[in-house]
């Protein structure tokens, strides 16, 4: 018998989002709309390279001191230090006390994986290895944790009746889960619902997590992109650090810097003291070495330059505001079209109450399917849309199509 030649490998289904994008690209309908992709588009439906990124790129291209040598295993030190301060706060006591270990990762996905792998190896789970994920959550979370031997368990989050947060269900799960359970929380702009806890609700969540001695696994892919304010979007993370909640944070610069293809991310583990942080750092280095050896340099250098240069940092904040403001404007315009002009049946307050790139429309799978097949409006089967895909040229067509499908007239 010969060595395995893989004929028995089962054919995996295509990724739903990439399949949706491929179908959109193949569609020849003139008014087609892509609301599936999770990437910012300008009002002309084009990818937007941030002006500050263009400027920083030019500066790097003329820097004769740069080379292409390997970075340290945990990444460019200037980058990880600046990234930690951005998410944890420039005056964070955890940073000042050297209790934070930071690793440069392959964007937020890599941060999630490295964080999950570290937990799988070293966290003292109370029984089976499990992680509590919001229902729903970013689809990739399930695969990431299963790949390292941690089984996902859902906790209530989205309430389809209110198209908002199931806060009572969430809190009840926090209270009844075994002590020392791991809970993954979206720091801001929850993906895919756009539904976030209020600041007062975050405080209650922290109370229960401390009471039950749970561990918090923060995923933060949208700092600044949600509200347009870097500090406001970091509230939950910084509050939890101040309260002494055991935690780590996954960070991405894909959305807020438009660096989707550069894969610029970071993992920050907040430890009890400096000695513990050194132990964590040693093991993260071992794990990272066996997987990628060294992270890539270009994207990290771009972000470092933007975060460390006061002029560039101010320009970046303006670029973030530009993106966030356009999305907020689309929310308001869609809400106005549905409620004031079309008088679409139902309550559409959630369109303006949700935040960030995504919105759960509240329509059912059959209605979503009808939008794709009959109106050429591409969205996921659960009714999630990317607000960044809407613009002044297509928003009326989408609103009219949504109105028709809700009325059963499509």
Protein backbone atom coordinates (compact mmCIF):
# COMPACT_ATOMS: atom_id res chain seq x y z
CA UNK A 1 0.00 0.00 0.00
CA UNK A 2 1.39 3.40 -0.97
CA UNK A 3 1.70 6.44 1.23
CA UNK A 4 -1.43 8.53 1.65
CA UNK A 5 -2.28 10.56 -1.46
CA UNK A 6 -5.31 12.31 0.04
CA UNK A 7 -8.14 10.96 -2.12
CA UNK A 8 -10.23 10.48 1.05
CA UNK A 9 -9.95 14.09 2.19
CA UNK A 10 -13.52 15.49 2.33
CA UNK A 11 -14.29 18.54 0.23
CA UNK A 12 -14.78 21.51 2.55
CA UNK A 13 -17.50 24.06 1.86
CA UNK A 14 -16.31 27.48 0.66
CA UNK A 15 -16.08 30.33 3.15
CA UNK A 16 -19.47 32.03 3.13
CA UNK A 17 -18.16 35.60 2.93
CA UNK A 18 -15.65 34.89 0.17
CA UNK A 19 -18.31 32.91 -1.72
CA UNK A 20 -20.66 35.89 -1.45
CA UNK A 21 -17.99 38.26 -2.74
CA UNK A 22 -17.21 35.97 -5.69
CA UNK A 23 -20.90 35.84 -6.61
CA UNK A 24 -21.10 39.64 -6.45
CA UNK A 25 -18.10 40.05 -8.73
CA UNK A 26 -19.56 37.63 -11.26
CA UNK A 27 -22.93 39.43 -11.28
CA UNK A 28 -23.42 41.68 -14.33
CA UNK A 29 -26.48 43.50 -12.93
CA UNK A 30 -25.79 47.24 -13.14
CA UNK A 31 -27.26 48.15 -9.74
CA UNK A 32 -25.80 45.25 -7.72
CA UNK A 33 -24.83 46.04 -4.13
CA UNK A 34 -22.22 44.27 -1.99
CA UNK A 35 -23.06 44.49 1.71
CA UNK A 36 -21.21 41.35 2.74
CA UNK A 37 -17.55 42.35 2.78
CA UNK A 38 -16.18 43.66 6.09
CA UNK A 39 -13.95 46.34 4.63
CA UNK A 40 -14.39 50.10 4.37
CA UNK A 41 -15.44 51.61 1.07
CA UNK A 42 -15.65 55.31 0.23
CA UNK A 43 -18.72 57.01 -1.25
CA UNK A 44 -17.64 55.85 -4.72
CA UNK A 45 -17.60 52.24 -3.46
CA UNK A 46 -13.79 52.11 -3.75
CA UNK A 47 -11.22 50.83 -1.23
CA UNK A 48 -9.78 53.83 0.59
CA UNK A 49 -6.07 54.15 1.30
CA UNK A 50 -5.87 56.51 4.27
CA UNK A 51 -4.01 59.74 3.41
CA UNK A 52 -1.90 59.34 6.55
CA UNK A 53 -0.89 55.83 5.42
CA UNK A 54 0.17 57.22 2.05
CA UNK A 55 2.28 59.85 3.79
CA UNK A 56 3.84 57.35 6.21
CA UNK A 57 4.60 54.98 3.33
CA UNK A 58 6.46 57.75 1.52
CA UNK A 59 8.51 58.46 4.62
CA UNK A 60 9.47 54.80 4.98
CA UNK A 61 10.45 54.52 1.33
CA UNK A 62 13.00 57.29 1.75
CA UNK A 63 14.39 56.03 5.07
CA UNK A 64 17.88 54.73 4.23
CA UNK A 65 18.33 53.22 7.70
CA UNK A 66 15.72 50.50 7.15
CA UNK A 67 16.63 46.98 6.11
CA UNK A 68 14.88 43.65 5.67
CA UNK A 69 16.38 41.77 8.57
CA UNK A 70 14.26 39.57 10.85
CA UNK A 71 12.28 41.26 13.58
CA UNK A 72 12.47 39.83 17.10
CA UNK A 73 10.16 36.84 17.68
CA UNK A 74 7.53 38.94 19.47
CA UNK A 75 7.76 41.71 16.89
CA UNK A 76 9.00 45.26 16.49
CA UNK A 77 9.39 46.52 20.09
CA UNK A 78 8.46 50.11 19.20
CA UNK A 79 5.29 48.84 17.56
CA UNK A 80 4.10 46.58 20.37
CA UNK A 81 4.81 49.27 22.98
CA UNK A 82 2.88 51.92 21.03
CA UNK A 83 0.00 49.52 20.28
CA UNK A 84 -0.33 48.59 23.96
CA UNK A 85 -0.55 52.23 24.99
CA UNK A 86 -3.15 52.92 22.30
CA UNK A 87 -5.57 50.26 23.55
CA UNK A 88 -4.74 50.25 27.28
CA UNK A 89 -4.18 54.00 27.65
CA UNK A 90 -1.06 56.13 27.51
CA UNK A 91 -1.07 56.38 31.31
CA UNK A 92 -2.14 52.77 31.95
CA UNK A 93 -0.82 51.55 35.32
CA UNK A 94 -0.49 48.04 33.88
CA UNK A 95 1.92 49.34 31.24
CA UNK A 96 3.83 51.51 33.71
CA UNK A 97 4.19 48.58 36.12
CA UNK A 98 5.52 46.36 33.29
CA UNK A 99 2.68 43.88 33.75
CA UNK A 100 1.73 43.80 30.06
CA UNK A 101 3.27 41.37 27.60
CA UNK A 102 2.72 42.30 23.96
CA UNK A 103 3.32 40.24 20.84
CA UNK A 104 3.04 41.39 17.24
CA UNK A 105 0.64 39.09 15.39
CA UNK A 106 -0.77 38.36 11.95
CA UNK A 107 -3.59 40.88 12.40
CA UNK A 108 -6.48 40.21 14.78
CA UNK A 109 -6.88 36.64 13.55
CA UNK A 110 -3.32 35.84 14.55
CA UNK A 111 -3.82 37.54 17.91
CA UNK A 112 -6.90 35.42 18.57
CA UNK A 113 -5.04 32.28 17.61
CA UNK A 114 -1.94 33.01 19.70
CA UNK A 115 -4.09 33.98 22.67
CA UNK A 116 -6.20 30.83 22.32
CA UNK A 117 -3.11 28.64 21.94
CA UNK A 118 -1.57 30.17 25.07
CA UNK A 119 -4.76 29.50 27.05
CA UNK A 120 -4.95 25.95 25.75
CA UNK A 121 -1.42 25.26 26.99
CA UNK A 122 -1.33 27.14 30.27
CA UNK A 123 -4.76 28.19 31.57
CA UNK A 124 -6.11 26.21 34.52
CA UNK A 125 -9.53 25.36 33.10
CA UNK A 126 -12.19 24.27 35.57
CA UNK A 127 -12.97 20.96 33.86
CA UNK A 128 -13.07 20.65 30.07
CA UNK A 129 -11.38 23.29 27.95
CA UNK A 130 -14.19 25.64 26.91
CA UNK A 131 -14.60 29.23 25.85
CA UNK A 132 -17.84 31.20 25.99
CA UNK A 133 -18.61 33.05 22.74
CA UNK A 134 -21.44 35.49 22.13
CA UNK A 135 -24.35 34.23 20.07
CA UNK A 136 -23.72 35.29 17.37
CA UNK A 137 -20.03 36.12 17.01
CA UNK A 138 -17.40 36.48 14.28
CA UNK A 139 -17.61 33.10 12.52
CA UNK A 140 -13.84 32.58 12.67
CA UNK A 141 -13.84 32.50 16.48
CA UNK A 142 -15.28 28.99 16.53
CA UNK A 143 -12.66 27.56 14.17
CA UNK A 144 -9.76 29.31 15.92
CA UNK A 145 -10.58 27.86 19.33
CA UNK A 146 -11.43 24.40 18.05
CA UNK A 147 -8.09 24.29 16.23
CA UNK A 148 -6.29 24.51 19.60
CA UNK A 149 -8.54 22.08 21.44
CA UNK A 150 -10.88 24.55 23.17
CA UNK A 151 -14.59 23.94 22.60
CA UNK A 152 -16.80 27.00 22.03
CA UNK A 153 -19.98 27.40 24.11
CA UNK A 154 -22.56 30.06 23.23
CA UNK A 155 -23.76 32.71 25.66
CA UNK A 156 -26.90 34.80 24.97
CA UNK A 157 -26.07 38.15 23.42
CA UNK A 158 -28.38 39.22 20.59
CA UNK A 159 -32.11 39.39 21.21
CA UNK A 160 -34.02 39.09 17.89
CA UNK A 161 -37.19 40.39 19.54
CA UNK A 162 -35.63 43.76 20.38
CA UNK A 163 -32.86 43.60 17.75
CA UNK A 164 -30.64 44.59 20.67
CA UNK A 165 -28.66 43.19 23.57
CA UNK A 166 -29.98 40.30 25.65
CA UNK A 167 -28.34 41.75 28.74
CA UNK A 168 -30.23 39.62 31.25
CA UNK A 169 -29.36 36.42 29.40
CA UNK A 170 -25.73 37.47 29.15
CA UNK A 171 -25.47 38.28 32.87
CA UNK A 172 -27.25 35.08 33.85
CA UNK A 173 -24.70 33.01 31.91
CA UNK A 174 -21.84 34.89 33.55
CA UNK A 175 -23.35 34.08 36.94
CA UNK A 176 -24.09 30.42 36.28
CA UNK A 177 -21.01 29.40 34.29
CA UNK A 178 -18.38 27.46 36.27
CA UNK A 179 -15.97 29.76 38.08
CA UNK A 180 -12.79 30.64 36.18
CA UNK A 181 -14.53 30.22 32.82
CA UNK A 182 -13.12 32.06 29.79
CA UNK A 183 -15.44 34.61 28.15
CA UNK A 184 -14.63 36.23 24.82
CA UNK A 185 -15.94 39.80 24.71
CA UNK A 186 -16.01 42.20 21.76
CA UNK A 187 -14.48 45.43 23.04
CA UNK A 188 -16.55 47.65 20.72
CA UNK A 189 -18.57 47.48 17.48
CA UNK A 190 -19.70 43.91 18.04
CA UNK A 191 -19.28 41.73 14.97
CA UNK A 192 -21.72 40.87 13.46
CA UNK A 193 -24.57 42.66 15.26
CA UNK A 194 -23.28 46.19 15.89
CA UNK A 195 -24.88 45.90 19.35
CA UNK A 196 -22.67 47.00 22.26
CA UNK A 197 -23.27 47.18 26.02
CA UNK A 198 -23.57 50.67 27.49
CA UNK A 199 -20.82 51.89 29.83
CA UNK A 200 -23.05 51.15 32.83
CA UNK A 201 -23.68 47.64 31.51
CA UNK A 202 -19.94 47.09 31.04
CA UNK A 203 -19.49 47.96 34.72
CA UNK A 204 -22.04 45.34 35.76
CA UNK A 205 -20.37 42.78 33.48
CA UNK A 206 -17.03 43.50 35.14
CA UNK A 207 -18.60 43.09 38.60
CA UNK A 208 -19.92 39.64 37.78
CA UNK A 209 -16.71 38.53 36.06
CA UNK A 210 -14.70 39.47 39.16
CA UNK A 211 -17.24 37.83 41.45
CA UNK A 212 -17.14 34.57 39.48
CA UNK A 213 -13.35 34.76 38.89
CA UNK A 214 -13.73 34.45 35.12
CA UNK A 215 -11.04 35.24 32.55
CA UNK A 216 -11.73 37.87 29.86
CA UNK A 217 -10.56 37.37 26.29
CA UNK A 218 -11.11 40.76 24.62
CA UNK A 219 -11.23 41.02 20.84
CA UNK A 220 -10.80 44.60 19.61
CA UNK A 221 -10.82 44.98 15.84
CA UNK A 222 -12.54 48.37 15.59
CA UNK A 223 -10.96 50.85 18.02
CA UNK A 224 -11.76 54.33 16.69
CA UNK A 225 -13.66 52.88 13.76
CA UNK A 226 -16.84 52.44 15.82
CA UNK A 227 -17.47 55.92 17.19
CA UNK A 228 -14.64 57.86 15.57
CA UNK A 229 -13.02 58.29 19.01
CA UNK A 230 -10.07 56.05 19.92
CA UNK A 231 -10.48 56.60 23.66
CA UNK A 232 -14.25 56.10 23.74
CA UNK A 233 -13.97 52.80 21.90
CA UNK A 234 -11.34 51.58 24.39
CA UNK A 235 -13.57 52.21 27.43
CA UNK A 236 -14.38 48.58 28.22
CA UNK A 237 -10.80 47.37 27.96
CA UNK A 238 -9.39 50.20 30.09
CA UNK A 239 -12.16 49.88 32.68
CA UNK A 240 -11.51 46.16 33.06
CA UNK A 241 -7.78 46.79 33.51
CA UNK A 242 -8.48 49.43 36.16
CA UNK A 243 -10.76 46.98 37.97
CA UNK A 244 -8.07 44.29 37.96
CA UNK A 245 -9.98 41.83 35.77
CA UNK A 246 -7.68 38.99 34.56
CA UNK A 247 -7.54 39.45 30.80
CA UNK A 248 -5.84 39.57 27.45
CA UNK A 249 -6.60 41.78 24.43
CA UNK A 250 -6.47 40.99 20.72
CA UNK A 251 -5.89 44.08 18.59
CA UNK A 252 -6.06 44.78 14.86
CA UNK A 253 -5.14 47.71 12.63
CA UNK A 254 -6.91 46.27 9.56
CA UNK A 255 -10.01 48.43 9.85
CA UNK A 256 -8.92 51.60 11.64
CA UNK A 257 -5.80 52.04 9.49
CA UNK A 258 -7.13 50.42 6.33
CA UNK A 259 -4.24 47.93 6.43
CA UNK A 260 -6.29 44.86 5.57
CA UNK A 261 -3.60 43.17 3.51
CA UNK A 262 -0.65 44.07 5.74
CA UNK A 263 -1.96 41.92 8.62
CA UNK A 264 -0.94 44.21 11.48
CA UNK A 265 -2.12 43.04 14.88
CA UNK A 266 -1.06 42.50 18.47
CA UNK A 267 -1.81 40.35 21.49
CA UNK A 268 -1.55 41.95 24.93
CA UNK A 269 -1.64 39.78 28.06
CA UNK A 270 -2.19 41.73 31.28
CA UNK A 271 -0.52 39.91 34.18
CA UNK A 272 -0.62 40.29 37.96
CA UNK A 273 2.97 41.51 38.30
CA UNK A 274 6.21 41.94 36.37
CA UNK A 275 7.58 38.52 37.33
CA UNK A 276 4.46 36.79 36.01
CA UNK A 277 4.64 38.89 32.86
CA UNK A 278 8.19 37.66 32.22
CA UNK A 279 7.00 34.05 32.50
CA UNK A 280 4.16 34.73 30.06
CA UNK A 281 6.54 36.46 27.67
CA UNK A 282 8.89 33.48 27.63
CA UNK A 283 6.12 31.07 26.67
CA UNK A 284 4.54 33.36 24.07
CA UNK A 285 7.97 33.56 22.45
CA UNK A 286 8.18 29.76 22.28
CA UNK A 287 4.71 29.47 20.74
CA UNK A 288 5.28 32.27 18.22
CA UNK A 289 8.67 30.85 17.22
CA UNK A 290 7.17 27.48 16.32
CA UNK A 291 4.41 29.02 14.21
CA UNK A 292 5.70 32.06 12.30
CA UNK A 293 9.24 32.51 13.67
CA UNK A 294 9.09 36.28 13.16
CA UNK A 295 6.26 38.65 12.21
CA UNK A 296 6.43 40.86 9.07
CA UNK A 297 7.92 44.32 9.35
CA UNK A 298 6.36 46.74 6.86
CA UNK A 299 2.89 47.15 8.34
CA UNK A 300 4.28 47.34 11.85
CA UNK A 301 6.68 50.10 10.81
CA UNK A 302 3.83 52.04 9.22
CA UNK A 303 1.72 51.89 12.37
CA UNK A 304 4.68 52.68 14.60
CA UNK A 305 5.42 55.81 12.59
CA UNK A 306 1.78 56.92 12.75
CA UNK A 307 1.47 56.29 16.49
CA UNK A 308 4.80 57.88 17.43
CA UNK A 309 4.71 61.00 15.24
CA UNK A 310 2.34 63.62 16.75
CA UNK A 311 1.52 65.17 13.38
CA UNK A 312 0.77 61.81 11.75
CA UNK A 313 -1.21 60.66 14.79
CA UNK A 314 -3.44 63.73 14.56
CA UNK A 315 -3.96 63.11 10.85
CA UNK A 316 -4.79 59.46 11.53
CA UNK A 317 -7.45 60.44 14.05
CA UNK A 318 -8.98 62.69 11.40
CA UNK A 319 -8.95 59.85 8.86
CA UNK A 320 -10.65 57.57 11.41
CA UNK A 321 -13.28 60.24 11.99
CA UNK A 322 -13.84 60.47 8.23
CA UNK A 323 -14.57 56.73 7.99
CA UNK A 324 -16.70 56.52 11.12
CA UNK A 325 -18.67 59.66 10.21
CA UNK A 326 -19.50 58.38 6.74
CA UNK A 327 -20.85 55.12 8.17
CA UNK A 328 -22.89 56.99 10.79
CA UNK A 329 -24.28 59.21 8.02
CA UNK A 330 -25.33 56.10 6.07
CA UNK A 331 -27.11 54.78 9.16
CA UNK A 332 -29.06 58.01 9.52
CA UNK A 333 -29.92 58.18 5.83
CA UNK A 334 -31.10 54.56 5.73
CA UNK A 335 -33.21 55.10 8.82
CA UNK A 336 -34.75 58.22 7.28
CA UNK A 337 -35.56 56.45 4.01
CA UNK A 338 -37.19 53.50 5.76
CA UNK A 339 -39.19 55.45 8.33
CA UNK A 340 -40.01 58.82 6.78
CA UNK A 341 -40.19 58.16 3.03
CA UNK A 342 -41.00 54.50 2.49
CA UNK A 343 -42.81 53.92 5.80
CA UNK A 344 -41.44 50.40 5.88
CA UNK A 345 -43.35 48.15 8.31
CA UNK A 346 -41.62 47.52 11.63
CA UNK A 347 -39.39 49.47 14.01
CA UNK A 348 -36.05 50.48 12.50
CA UNK A 349 -34.51 52.28 15.49
CA UNK A 350 -31.82 49.60 15.65
CA UNK A 351 -30.27 50.95 12.45
CA UNK A 352 -29.15 54.11 14.28
CA UNK A 353 -28.71 52.50 17.71
CA UNK A 354 -26.19 49.92 16.51
CA UNK A 355 -22.58 50.97 16.00
CA UNK A 356 -19.63 50.18 13.79
CA UNK A 357 -19.26 48.58 10.39
CA UNK A 358 -22.02 46.01 10.68
CA UNK A 359 -25.75 46.09 11.29
CA UNK A 360 -28.21 43.30 11.95
CA UNK A 361 -31.25 44.31 9.92
CA UNK A 362 -33.63 41.92 11.68
CA UNK A 363 -34.83 40.27 8.46
CA UNK A 364 -35.07 36.48 8.26
CA UNK A 365 -33.02 34.05 6.09
CA UNK A 366 -35.71 33.78 3.41
CA UNK A 367 -35.85 37.55 3.08
CA UNK A 368 -32.06 37.73 2.91
CA UNK A 369 -32.04 35.09 0.19
CA UNK A 370 -34.65 37.01 -1.78
CA UNK A 371 -32.55 40.18 -1.62
CA UNK A 372 -29.56 38.32 -3.03
CA UNK A 373 -31.39 36.40 -5.75
CA UNK A 374 -33.98 38.94 -6.86
CA UNK A 375 -32.54 42.36 -6.01
CA UNK A 376 -28.82 41.55 -6.48
CA UNK A 377 -28.15 42.86 -2.96
CA UNK A 378 -25.45 40.65 -1.46
CA UNK A 379 -25.65 40.12 2.31
CA UNK A 380 -25.21 37.19 4.69
CA UNK A 381 -28.11 34.82 5.32
CA UNK A 382 -28.56 36.09 8.91
CA UNK A 383 -29.47 39.57 7.66
CA UNK A 384 -26.18 41.22 8.54
CA UNK A 385 -25.09 44.08 6.32
CA UNK A 386 -21.88 46.06 6.10
CA UNK A 387 -22.84 49.71 6.43
CA UNK A 388 -19.59 50.60 4.65
CA UNK A 389 -21.05 49.07 1.48
CA UNK A 390 -23.77 51.73 1.38
CA UNK A 391 -23.16 55.06 -0.32
CA UNK A 392 -25.07 57.99 -1.81
CA UNK A 393 -25.38 56.12 -5.12
CA UNK A 394 -26.92 52.87 -3.88
CA UNK A 395 -28.62 53.55 -0.55
CA UNK A 396 -32.01 54.39 -2.03
CA UNK A 397 -32.00 51.23 -4.15
CA UNK A 398 -31.13 49.16 -1.08
CA UNK A 399 -33.79 50.85 1.06
CA UNK A 400 -36.43 50.27 -1.62
CA UNK A 401 -35.36 46.62 -2.00
CA UNK A 402 -35.44 46.12 1.77
CA UNK A 403 -38.88 47.72 1.91
CA UNK A 404 -40.17 45.36 -0.81
CA UNK A 405 -38.82 42.21 0.84
CA UNK A 406 -40.29 43.20 4.22
CA UNK A 407 -43.68 43.73 2.55
CA UNK A 408 -43.36 40.41 0.71
CA UNK A 409 -43.40 42.22 -2.62
CA UNK A 410 -39.96 41.18 -3.92
